[in-house]
Protein backbone atom coordinates (compact mmCIF):
# COMPACT_ATOMS: atom_id res chain seq x y z
CA UNK A 1 3.26 -11.42 -17.38
CA UNK A 2 6.53 -12.14 -19.19
CA UNK A 3 7.63 -8.57 -18.50
CA UNK A 4 6.89 -8.98 -14.79
CA UNK A 5 8.65 -12.34 -14.70
CA UNK A 6 11.70 -10.75 -16.33
CA UNK A 7 11.61 -7.96 -13.75
CA UNK A 8 11.57 -10.55 -10.96
CA UNK A 9 8.05 -10.12 -9.60
CA UNK A 10 6.68 -13.01 -7.48
CA UNK A 11 3.13 -11.80 -6.94
CA UNK A 12 0.69 -9.25 -8.33
CA UNK A 13 -1.79 -7.48 -6.07
CA UNK A 14 -4.84 -6.47 -8.11
CA UNK A 15 -6.90 -3.57 -6.85
CA UNK A 16 -10.61 -4.52 -6.88
CA UNK A 17 -11.80 -6.00 -10.18
CA UNK A 18 -15.23 -7.07 -8.90
CA UNK A 19 -18.49 -5.65 -10.33
CA UNK A 20 -18.83 -2.09 -9.06
CA UNK A 21 -20.57 1.21 -9.83
CA UNK A 22 -17.00 2.62 -9.80
CA UNK A 23 -17.73 5.50 -7.44
CA UNK A 24 -14.40 4.71 -5.75
CA UNK A 25 -12.77 2.90 -8.68
CA UNK A 26 -13.81 -0.56 -7.59
CA UNK A 27 -13.58 -0.18 -3.83
CA UNK A 28 -17.37 0.10 -3.80
CA UNK A 29 -18.18 -3.55 -4.52
CA UNK A 30 -21.63 -4.67 -5.62
CA UNK A 31 -20.78 -8.38 -6.11
CA UNK A 32 -17.84 -10.06 -4.39
CA UNK A 33 -18.02 -13.28 -6.43
CA UNK A 34 -17.61 -12.04 -9.97
CA UNK A 35 -15.46 -9.93 -12.29
CA UNK A 36 -16.56 -6.53 -13.53
CA UNK A 37 -17.52 -6.91 -17.22
CA UNK A 38 -15.21 -4.04 -18.20
CA UNK A 39 -12.28 -6.29 -17.19
CA UNK A 40 -13.62 -9.61 -18.46
CA UNK A 41 -15.14 -12.72 -16.94
CA UNK A 42 -14.41 -15.31 -14.29
CA UNK A 43 -13.06 -17.50 -17.09
CA UNK A 44 -10.61 -14.73 -17.98
CA UNK A 45 -9.61 -14.46 -14.34
CA UNK A 46 -8.98 -18.21 -14.10
CA UNK A 47 -6.84 -17.94 -17.24
CA UNK A 48 -4.82 -15.13 -15.62
CA UNK A 49 -4.22 -17.21 -12.48
CA UNK A 50 -3.13 -20.20 -14.57
CA UNK A 51 -0.78 -18.21 -16.82
CA UNK A 52 0.73 -16.39 -13.85
CA UNK A 53 1.26 -19.71 -12.07
CA UNK A 54 3.25 -21.01 -15.07
CA UNK A 55 5.63 -18.10 -14.48
CA UNK A 56 5.76 -18.67 -10.69
CA UNK A 57 3.73 -15.52 -10.09
CA UNK A 58 0.78 -15.53 -7.72
CA UNK A 59 -2.32 -13.35 -8.01
CA UNK A 60 -3.47 -11.52 -4.87
CA UNK A 61 -6.96 -10.07 -4.62
CA UNK A 62 -8.04 -6.93 -2.79
CA UNK A 63 -10.47 -7.85 0.00
CA UNK A 64 -12.70 -4.96 1.10
CA UNK A 65 -14.44 -5.93 4.34
CA UNK A 66 -15.16 -2.53 5.90
CA UNK A 67 -17.92 -1.54 3.48
CA UNK A 68 -19.81 -2.50 0.35
CA UNK A 69 -21.36 -0.50 -2.47
CA UNK A 70 -24.79 0.92 -1.73
CA UNK A 71 -25.84 -1.09 -4.82
CA UNK A 72 -24.85 -4.39 -3.21
CA UNK A 73 -27.86 -6.62 -2.67
CA UNK A 74 -27.16 -6.74 1.08
CA UNK A 75 -27.56 -2.97 1.36
CA UNK A 76 -30.46 -2.77 -1.07
CA UNK A 77 -32.28 -5.16 1.27
CA UNK A 78 -31.01 -3.40 4.39
CA UNK A 79 -32.39 0.00 3.43
CA UNK A 80 -35.72 -1.40 2.17
CA UNK A 81 -37.26 -1.43 5.68
CA UNK A 82 -36.31 -1.43 9.34
CA UNK A 83 -37.61 -4.98 9.69
CA UNK A 84 -35.68 -6.48 6.77
CA UNK A 85 -33.42 -9.40 7.81
CA UNK A 86 -30.42 -7.53 6.39
CA UNK A 87 -31.09 -4.38 8.41
CA UNK A 88 -28.46 -5.18 11.03
CA UNK A 89 -25.84 -6.05 8.40
CA UNK A 90 -25.08 -2.30 8.33
CA UNK A 91 -24.79 0.49 10.90
CA UNK A 92 -28.09 2.32 11.24
CA UNK A 93 -28.77 4.94 13.91
CA UNK A 94 -31.51 7.37 14.86
CA UNK A 95 -30.73 11.05 14.62
CA UNK A 96 -30.35 13.18 17.72
CA UNK A 97 -33.71 14.75 18.50
CA UNK A 98 -35.43 12.91 15.65
CA UNK A 99 -39.21 13.18 15.47
CA UNK A 100 -41.84 11.94 13.05
CA UNK A 101 -41.35 15.07 10.95
CA UNK A 102 -37.74 16.03 11.74
CA UNK A 103 -34.67 13.85 11.06
CA UNK A 104 -32.81 15.54 13.91
CA UNK A 105 -29.04 15.93 14.00
CA UNK A 106 -26.44 13.38 12.93
CA UNK A 107 -25.66 10.82 15.66
CA UNK A 108 -22.20 12.33 16.33
CA UNK A 109 -19.38 14.35 14.75
CA UNK A 110 -17.66 11.45 12.94
CA UNK A 111 -16.30 12.40 9.54
CA UNK A 112 -15.81 10.51 6.30
CA UNK A 113 -12.19 10.12 5.24
CA UNK A 114 -13.34 11.70 1.98
CA UNK A 115 -14.85 14.79 3.59
CA UNK A 116 -17.87 15.93 5.63
CA UNK A 117 -20.15 13.89 7.89
CA UNK A 118 -19.81 10.11 7.98
CA UNK A 119 -23.60 9.82 8.45
CA UNK A 120 -26.12 9.80 5.61
CA UNK A 121 -29.87 10.22 6.09
CA UNK A 122 -32.20 7.66 4.51
CA UNK A 123 -35.63 9.18 4.07
CA UNK A 124 -37.47 5.92 3.43
CA UNK A 125 -36.55 4.24 6.73
CA UNK A 126 -35.84 7.51 8.58
CA UNK A 127 -32.45 6.63 10.03
CA UNK A 128 -28.84 7.50 9.33
CA UNK A 129 -26.29 4.97 8.08
CA UNK A 130 -22.55 5.21 8.74
CA UNK A 131 -19.93 5.42 5.98
CA UNK A 132 -16.26 5.81 6.83
CA UNK A 133 -15.59 6.56 3.17
CA UNK A 134 -17.97 7.70 0.40
CA UNK A 135 -21.72 8.03 0.92
CA UNK A 136 -22.07 5.16 -1.57
CA UNK A 137 -19.87 2.91 0.63
CA UNK A 138 -21.93 2.02 3.72
CA UNK A 139 -19.98 0.30 6.51
CA UNK A 140 -21.01 -3.24 7.38
CA UNK A 141 -21.72 -4.21 10.98
CA UNK A 142 -19.00 -6.55 12.27
CA UNK A 143 -20.93 -7.11 15.50
CA UNK A 144 -23.25 -9.26 13.37
CA UNK A 145 -21.98 -12.90 13.14
CA UNK A 146 -23.60 -13.23 9.72
CA UNK A 147 -21.09 -10.73 8.33
CA UNK A 148 -18.24 -12.95 9.50
CA UNK A 149 -19.72 -15.97 7.75
CA UNK A 150 -20.48 -14.01 4.59
CA UNK A 151 -16.88 -12.84 4.19
CA UNK A 152 -15.46 -16.27 4.99
CA UNK A 153 -17.61 -17.58 2.17
CA UNK A 154 -16.27 -14.87 -0.17
CA UNK A 155 -12.66 -15.55 0.79
CA UNK A 156 -13.19 -19.27 0.26
CA UNK A 157 -14.70 -18.64 -3.18
CA UNK A 158 -11.49 -17.00 -4.41
CA UNK A 159 -9.08 -19.33 -2.62
CA UNK A 160 -10.75 -22.25 -4.38
CA UNK A 161 -9.98 -20.50 -7.67
CA UNK A 162 -6.29 -20.51 -6.76
CA UNK A 163 -5.55 -16.97 -5.66
CA UNK A 164 -2.36 -16.61 -3.66
CA UNK A 165 -3.94 -14.49 -0.94
CA UNK A 166 -5.44 -11.11 -0.22
CA UNK A 167 -4.58 -7.54 0.59
CA UNK A 168 -7.18 -6.38 3.15
CA UNK A 169 -8.27 -2.83 2.44
CA UNK A 170 -8.79 -0.28 5.25
CA UNK A 171 -8.73 -3.19 7.67
CA UNK A 172 -8.20 -1.10 10.81
CA UNK A 173 -11.57 0.64 10.28
CA UNK A 174 -13.82 -2.41 10.81
CA UNK A 175 -14.98 -1.34 14.27
CA UNK A 176 -16.15 1.91 15.84
CA UNK A 177 -16.76 3.12 19.38
CA UNK A 178 -19.92 1.26 20.51
CA UNK A 179 -20.95 4.30 22.56
CA UNK A 180 -20.78 6.54 19.47
CA UNK A 181 -18.81 9.18 21.34
CA UNK A 182 -17.63 12.23 19.40
CA UNK A 183 -14.10 12.29 18.03
CA UNK A 184 -11.74 14.78 19.67
CA UNK A 185 -10.84 17.96 17.80
CA UNK A 186 -7.24 18.23 16.60
CA UNK A 187 -5.47 21.35 17.86
CA UNK A 188 -2.53 23.12 16.24
CA UNK A 189 0.65 24.15 18.07
CA UNK A 190 -1.16 27.22 19.37
CA UNK A 191 -3.97 25.14 20.83
CA UNK A 192 -6.49 26.16 18.15
CA UNK A 193 -8.69 24.05 15.93
CA UNK A 194 -8.29 24.25 12.17
CA UNK A 195 -9.95 23.14 8.94
CA UNK A 196 -8.78 20.19 6.84
CA UNK A 197 -8.57 20.06 3.01
CA UNK A 198 -12.33 19.46 2.80
CA UNK A 199 -13.22 22.51 4.89
CA UNK A 200 -14.18 20.43 7.95
CA UNK A 201 -12.88 20.91 11.48
CA UNK A 202 -9.91 18.54 11.80
CA UNK A 203 -10.62 15.56 14.06
CA UNK A 204 -8.58 12.61 15.20
CA UNK A 205 -9.96 9.13 14.50
CA UNK A 206 -9.35 7.17 17.69
CA UNK A 207 -13.02 6.17 17.90
CA UNK A 208 -13.32 4.98 14.30
CA UNK A 209 -9.93 3.44 13.57
CA UNK A 210 -7.65 0.74 15.01
CA UNK A 211 -10.08 -0.51 17.62
CA UNK A 212 -9.27 -3.91 19.18
CA UNK A 213 -12.16 -5.79 17.56
CA UNK A 214 -10.20 -6.06 14.31
CA UNK A 215 -7.76 -8.56 15.84
CA UNK A 216 -10.24 -11.40 16.50
CA UNK A 217 -11.63 -10.91 12.98
CA UNK A 218 -8.23 -11.34 11.39
CA UNK A 219 -7.44 -14.32 13.61
CA UNK A 220 -10.64 -15.86 12.28
CA UNK A 221 -9.86 -15.05 8.63
CA UNK A 222 -6.28 -16.33 8.98
CA UNK A 223 -7.42 -19.63 10.49
CA UNK A 224 -10.01 -19.98 7.72
CA UNK A 225 -7.59 -19.22 4.86
CA UNK A 226 -5.02 -21.64 6.29
CA UNK A 227 -7.45 -24.50 5.67
CA UNK A 228 -7.34 -23.99 1.89
CA UNK A 229 -3.95 -25.49 1.10
CA UNK A 230 -4.23 -28.22 -1.51
CA UNK A 231 -2.14 -30.36 -3.83
CA UNK A 232 -3.13 -28.09 -6.72
CA UNK A 233 -2.24 -24.88 -4.88
CA UNK A 234 0.19 -25.90 -2.13
CA UNK A 235 1.61 -23.55 0.46
CA UNK A 236 0.25 -20.88 2.71
CA UNK A 237 -1.93 -18.17 1.22
CA UNK A 238 -0.56 -14.80 2.21
CA UNK A 239 -2.66 -12.21 4.05
CA UNK A 240 -1.49 -8.60 3.66
CA UNK A 241 -2.92 -5.70 5.67
CA UNK A 242 -3.36 -2.06 4.73
CA UNK A 243 -2.21 -0.85 8.12
CA UNK A 244 -1.61 2.86 8.62
CA UNK A 245 -0.65 2.85 12.30
CA UNK A 246 0.86 5.35 14.73
CA UNK A 247 3.85 3.35 16.03
CA UNK A 248 5.76 0.09 15.75
CA UNK A 249 4.01 -1.40 18.78
CA UNK A 250 0.64 -1.17 17.04
CA UNK A 251 2.10 -2.66 13.86
CA UNK A 252 3.54 -5.60 15.82
CA UNK A 253 0.05 -6.43 17.09
CA UNK A 254 -1.17 -6.93 13.52
CA UNK A 255 0.94 -10.08 13.16
CA UNK A 256 -0.97 -11.69 16.01
CA UNK A 257 0.66 -14.28 18.25
CA UNK A 258 2.02 -17.78 17.53
CA UNK A 259 -1.19 -19.38 18.82
CA UNK A 260 -3.46 -16.75 17.23
CA UNK A 261 -1.77 -15.46 14.06
CA UNK A 262 -3.30 -12.63 12.04
CA UNK A 263 -1.55 -11.03 9.04
CA UNK A 264 1.50 -12.59 7.50
CA UNK A 265 2.50 -9.14 6.21
CA UNK A 266 0.92 -5.98 7.62
CA UNK A 267 2.24 -2.99 5.69
CA UNK A 268 4.80 -0.83 7.43
CA UNK A 269 3.80 2.61 6.18
CA UNK A 270 5.93 4.40 8.77
CA UNK A 271 9.12 3.88 6.76
CA UNK A 272 7.93 4.56 3.24
CA UNK A 273 5.79 7.62 3.92
CA UNK A 274 8.27 9.77 5.83
CA UNK A 275 8.13 11.84 2.60
CA UNK A 276 11.49 13.52 2.99
CA UNK A 277 15.07 12.28 2.74
CA UNK A 278 15.96 12.41 6.42
CA UNK A 279 18.73 9.99 7.40
CA UNK A 280 17.90 10.04 11.12
CA UNK A 281 14.22 9.26 10.54
CA UNK A 282 14.90 6.47 8.07
CA UNK A 283 17.52 4.95 10.34
CA UNK A 284 15.10 5.00 13.28
CA UNK A 285 12.05 3.73 11.37
CA UNK A 286 13.94 0.96 9.57
CA UNK A 287 15.51 -0.10 12.84
CA UNK A 288 12.04 -0.09 14.43
CA UNK A 289 10.55 -2.52 11.94
CA UNK A 290 13.66 -4.70 11.77
CA UNK A 291 13.79 -5.15 15.54
CA UNK A 292 10.31 -4.32 16.87
CA UNK A 293 7.95 -6.83 15.26
CA UNK A 294 8.92 -9.88 17.34
CA UNK A 295 11.03 -11.49 14.64
CA UNK A 296 8.27 -11.37 12.03
CA UNK A 297 8.95 -10.41 8.42
CA UNK A 298 8.51 -6.68 7.65
CA UNK A 299 6.54 -5.58 4.60
CA UNK A 300 8.05 -2.36 3.29
CA UNK A 301 6.09 -0.12 0.93
CA UNK A 302 6.97 3.35 -0.34
CA UNK A 303 4.29 3.96 -2.93
CA UNK A 304 0.69 3.10 -3.76
CA UNK A 305 -2.48 4.20 -5.54
CA UNK A 306 -3.54 6.57 -2.73
CA UNK A 307 -0.44 8.76 -2.56
CA UNK A 308 1.54 10.91 -4.95
CA UNK A 309 4.34 8.97 -6.61
CA UNK A 310 7.94 8.95 -5.39
CA UNK A 311 9.00 11.92 -7.50
CA UNK A 312 6.45 14.22 -5.85
CA UNK A 313 7.16 13.07 -2.31
CA UNK A 314 10.94 12.64 -2.41
CA UNK A 315 12.27 14.13 -5.64
CA UNK A 316 13.82 17.55 -6.19
CA UNK A 317 12.93 17.86 -9.88
CA UNK A 318 16.60 17.57 -10.87
CA UNK A 319 17.86 14.28 -9.43
CA UNK A 320 14.59 12.34 -9.35
CA UNK A 321 16.00 9.16 -10.92
CA UNK A 322 19.01 9.17 -8.58
CA UNK A 323 16.69 9.67 -5.61
CA UNK A 324 14.48 6.80 -6.78
CA UNK A 325 17.57 4.57 -6.73
CA UNK A 326 18.06 5.66 -3.10
CA UNK A 327 14.44 4.80 -2.24
CA UNK A 328 14.47 1.45 -4.04
CA UNK A 329 17.69 0.46 -2.30
CA UNK A 330 16.06 0.91 1.10
CA UNK A 331 13.06 -1.05 -0.15
CA UNK A 332 14.90 -4.06 -1.57
CA UNK A 333 18.17 -4.10 0.41
CA UNK A 334 16.48 -4.16 3.83
CA UNK A 335 15.28 -7.34 5.49
CA UNK A 336 11.70 -8.08 4.57
CA UNK A 337 9.21 -8.29 1.74
CA UNK A 338 9.19 -5.48 -0.82
CA UNK A 339 5.96 -4.12 -2.31
CA UNK A 340 6.17 -1.59 -5.12
CA UNK A 341 3.71 0.20 -7.37
CA UNK A 342 3.41 -0.24 -11.12
CA UNK A 343 5.68 2.16 -12.98
CA UNK A 344 8.04 2.75 -10.05
CA UNK A 345 10.60 0.60 -11.87
CA UNK A 346 10.76 3.08 -14.78
CA UNK A 347 10.34 6.27 -12.73
CA UNK A 348 6.81 7.27 -13.68
CA UNK A 349 5.91 10.80 -12.60
CA UNK A 350 2.96 12.12 -10.63
CA UNK A 351 0.78 14.00 -13.11
CA UNK A 352 -2.26 15.57 -11.40
CA UNK A 353 -5.00 17.30 -13.39
CA UNK A 354 -4.53 21.02 -13.93
CA UNK A 355 -8.25 21.83 -14.16
CA UNK A 356 -11.07 20.76 -11.87
CA UNK A 357 -13.19 19.74 -14.86
CA UNK A 358 -10.58 17.07 -15.73
CA UNK A 359 -10.69 15.44 -12.27
CA UNK A 360 -12.02 11.88 -12.15
CA UNK A 361 -11.42 11.12 -8.47
CA UNK A 362 -14.22 12.33 -6.17
CA UNK A 363 -11.53 13.09 -3.57
CA UNK A 364 -10.20 15.76 -5.92
CA UNK A 365 -13.67 17.08 -6.70
CA UNK A 366 -14.35 17.51 -2.97
CA UNK A 367 -10.90 18.76 -1.98
CA UNK A 368 -9.99 20.96 -4.98
CA UNK A 369 -7.68 22.82 -5.10
CA UNK A 370 -5.96 21.88 -1.82
CA UNK A 371 -6.39 18.18 -2.58
CA UNK A 372 -6.44 17.41 -6.31
CA UNK A 373 -7.25 13.76 -5.72
CA UNK A 374 -5.44 10.60 -6.71
CA UNK A 375 -5.63 10.78 -10.50
CA UNK A 376 -2.02 11.96 -10.71
CA UNK A 377 -0.59 8.67 -9.46
CA UNK A 378 -3.02 6.44 -11.39
CA UNK A 379 -2.18 7.33 -14.99
CA UNK A 380 -1.72 4.52 -17.56
CA UNK A 381 1.40 2.34 -17.51
CA UNK A 382 3.99 3.68 -19.95
CA UNK A 383 5.15 0.84 -22.21
CA UNK A 384 6.59 2.82 -25.12
CA UNK A 385 6.70 6.25 -26.74
CA UNK A 386 3.88 5.46 -29.17
CA UNK A 387 0.19 6.41 -29.05
CA UNK A 388 -1.21 6.22 -25.50
CA UNK A 389 2.23 4.97 -24.39
CA UNK A 390 1.24 1.51 -25.62
CA UNK A 391 -1.35 1.20 -22.87
CA UNK A 392 -4.24 0.94 -25.34
CA UNK A 393 -4.85 1.24 -29.05
CA UNK A 394 -4.33 4.43 -31.01
CA UNK A 395 -7.59 6.32 -31.35
CA UNK A 396 -8.91 4.99 -28.04
CA UNK A 397 -9.10 7.42 -25.13
CA UNK A 398 -7.57 5.88 -21.97
CA UNK A 399 -9.32 6.37 -18.66
CA UNK A 400 -6.79 9.03 -17.60
CA UNK A 401 -4.48 11.06 -19.86
CA UNK A 402 -1.03 9.67 -20.62
CA UNK A 403 1.57 12.09 -19.19
CA UNK A 404 3.90 13.84 -21.66
CA UNK A 405 6.87 12.29 -19.80
CA UNK A 406 5.94 8.96 -21.44
CA UNK A 407 7.96 10.07 -24.47
CA UNK A 408 11.16 9.29 -22.55
CA UNK A 409 9.99 7.46 -19.41
CA UNK A 410 8.80 4.09 -20.70
CA UNK A 411 9.66 0.41 -20.62
CA UNK A 412 11.01 0.17 -24.15
CA UNK A 413 13.44 3.03 -23.53
CA UNK A 414 14.78 1.47 -20.32
CA UNK A 415 14.82 -2.31 -20.84
CA UNK A 416 18.31 -3.60 -21.49
CA UNK A 417 19.97 -0.28 -20.70
CA UNK A 418 22.68 -0.89 -18.06
CA UNK A 419 22.26 2.48 -16.30
CA UNK A 420 18.45 2.66 -16.43
CA UNK A 421 16.20 2.68 -13.38
CA UNK A 422 14.52 -0.49 -14.72
CA UNK A 423 17.85 -2.36 -14.73
CA UNK A 424 18.55 -1.06 -11.20
CA UNK A 425 15.25 -2.51 -9.95
CA UNK A 426 15.84 -5.75 -11.81
CA UNK A 427 19.31 -6.15 -10.30
CA UNK A 428 18.16 -5.34 -6.76
CA UNK A 429 15.36 -7.91 -7.04
CA UNK A 430 17.80 -10.52 -8.36
CA UNK A 431 20.16 -9.87 -5.44
CA UNK A 432 17.25 -10.17 -3.01
CA UNK A 433 16.51 -13.63 -4.40
CA UNK A 434 20.03 -15.00 -4.88
CA UNK A 435 22.37 -13.48 -2.28
CA UNK A 436 21.84 -15.24 1.11
CA UNK A 437 22.58 -12.19 3.28
CA UNK A 438 20.52 -9.95 1.01
CA UNK A 439 17.64 -12.43 1.02
CA UNK A 440 17.49 -13.45 4.66
CA UNK A 441 20.09 -11.59 6.69
CA UNK A 442 19.43 -9.36 9.66
CA UNK A 443 19.89 -5.59 9.42
CA UNK A 444 22.57 -3.89 11.51
CA UNK A 445 22.83 -0.11 11.25
CA UNK A 446 26.37 1.25 10.82
CA UNK A 447 27.96 4.72 11.15
CA UNK A 448 24.92 5.82 13.13
CA UNK A 449 26.15 9.38 13.79
CA UNK A 450 26.27 10.16 10.07
CA UNK A 451 23.36 12.43 9.09
CA UNK A 452 24.10 12.46 5.34
CA UNK A 453 24.65 8.79 4.52
CA UNK A 454 22.61 5.82 5.68
CA UNK A 455 24.67 2.63 6.00
CA UNK A 456 23.78 -0.83 7.18
CA UNK A 457 24.99 -4.42 7.06
CA UNK A 458 23.01 -7.53 6.11
CA UNK A 459 24.36 -10.60 7.88
CA UNK A 460 23.41 -14.23 8.11
CA UNK A 461 25.26 -17.34 9.28
CA UNK A 462 27.21 -19.30 6.69
CA UNK A 463 27.39 -16.54 4.07
CA UNK A 464 29.38 -13.32 3.52
CA UNK A 465 27.83 -10.16 4.93
CA UNK A 466 26.72 -7.34 2.66
CA UNK A 467 27.37 -3.62 3.20
CA UNK A 468 24.93 -0.97 1.92
CA UNK A 469 25.64 2.78 1.87
CA UNK A 470 23.19 5.35 0.54
CA UNK A 471 23.95 9.05 0.10
CA UNK A 472 20.90 11.17 0.96
CA UNK A 473 22.40 14.38 -0.43
CA UNK A 474 23.27 16.00 -3.75
CA UNK A 475 26.89 16.43 -2.56
CA UNK A 476 29.53 13.71 -2.90
CA UNK A 477 30.24 11.91 0.36
CA UNK A 478 33.02 9.65 1.63
CA UNK A 479 32.11 7.02 4.20
CA UNK A 480 34.43 5.09 6.48
CA UNK A 481 32.87 1.94 7.93
CA UNK A 482 34.23 -0.70 10.25
CA UNK A 483 32.87 -4.11 11.14
CA UNK A 484 34.22 -6.18 14.09
CA UNK A 485 36.15 -9.29 13.08
CA UNK A 486 36.17 -8.33 9.40
CA UNK A 487 39.12 -7.34 7.22
CA UNK A 488 37.11 -4.61 5.55
CA UNK A 489 37.86 -5.86 2.06
CA UNK A 490 34.80 -5.70 -0.13
CA UNK A 491 33.58 -6.94 -3.52
CA UNK A 492 31.13 -4.73 -5.42
CA UNK A 493 27.68 -6.21 -6.03
CA UNK A 494 25.91 -3.07 -7.27
CA UNK A 495 26.63 0.62 -7.40
CA UNK A 496 25.20 3.73 -9.00
CA UNK A 497 27.03 5.09 -12.06
CA UNK A 498 28.65 7.83 -9.99
CA UNK A 499 30.09 5.53 -7.27
CA UNK A 500 33.61 4.08 -7.29
CA UNK A 501 34.76 0.50 -6.62
CA UNK A 502 36.39 0.62 -3.19
CA UNK A 503 38.84 -2.01 -2.03
CA UNK A 504 37.89 -1.45 1.60
CA UNK A 505 34.83 -0.29 3.48
CA UNK A 506 37.07 2.26 5.22
CA UNK A 507 36.89 4.43 2.08
CA UNK A 508 33.57 4.33 0.21
CA UNK A 509 33.09 7.29 -2.11
CA UNK A 510 29.53 8.15 -3.10
CA UNK A 511 28.49 10.66 -5.74
CA UNK A 512 25.25 12.66 -5.83
CA UNK A 513 22.59 10.47 -4.24
CA UNK A 514 25.01 7.62 -4.78
CA UNK A 515 24.52 4.02 -3.64
CA UNK A 516 27.09 1.32 -2.97
CA UNK A 517 26.37 -2.35 -2.20
CA UNK A 518 29.29 -4.70 -1.56
CA UNK A 519 30.00 -8.15 -0.15
CA UNK A 520 32.57 -8.41 2.64
CA UNK A 521 35.49 -10.67 1.77
């Protein structure tokens, strides 16, 4: 916690730490009101919340409302008989052409996000149940009012313990087409169907994702969570959405309206997952979220536990650290809230397994070798160059192997080093908190015909504006900027080691993947 405080972190989002069979590393929850014994107890959790609070850090829980574990008592009851009171807490359907001796065909062509049919046959009650994700993660039925009340009770349980809010997992998948119509087949540029990484015919997901029923649910959960402010834990609890959406208009809907608010911070994944350094795309996508969400606060995210780390998606293997400075500048120097993944601040590398027998993630077991799973971005945090990178004791085998890069890429090697990536993150976060334009100012794109350097201005009333220029190339670049009613004189706030200190924004020289941030005088 002291490390995170020193870095400048305000809140920690914990992926699920509830009791779980761990089929999907905690996202298959068997008890929403407890802590998995491998992590500790509720008393330990309360201690974490209290110690974090002393450091002005809030703890955010992962709230998984689309599905439970098949070991959850609700589902155990639901699959016990067709007449059980919990039967309609999940999505059960007859097979097509089912008879007393034949289960028939699956209800439709819907696929699991983790491969193959999204329908699983239950021999005891002779029906199929729906699972958007693993077979062991049956979807709950949000058309049942009892589900609404059950999750409000769960949310209240944790808010009373002082959590700062929730990140809602896979929230756009709560509802499905009530008519159970087949998904459409995706066609390639030649008009032909093709197979995905799991060997299935590629389908779109318009009938199982981002249906309108999610909005009333989140309005309900927002109104409920807003009632839990108290003298002990004052202030609004933040609701964050995992929102992979096709365009800025759909993202804007996730905020709700002033009279019916939904998420405080739905994730904008359109900026961070472009997955190539393309100035035009970043300019367009950043401008979208800065101007297209009705004045709400953007939540920018470039990295998470479900995607390869920044080095694999943006790096070139030679200038990875320089490129990570570029990425982090867009994350922290743009208007909005910044969410980053553990280890980004030291430049941890994606390290996927090299053999199928070493794979832990069922995604990799199903998709190998096209999809090696998510183990590569989930390796232990690298604290030092010692045994197990300081993540756990010597002689203890960590849950995933520590990458060999830990010998040089670790906290101890980077803390206090003026040119390290850690210090770069720390300085950007400090600027975001202390510089008025950096903290609250609007974004205005500059030099918009430049396809090699992305430049923008942060401006707010009553404070000097800030200029940001980011070189997207390995070649040195010189940028000439102009701002109406400004002298052009500039004071350096932060720059990469290979950038110069300009006296005017009319001549900003940037080295390889160089970054310059300056305050207009």
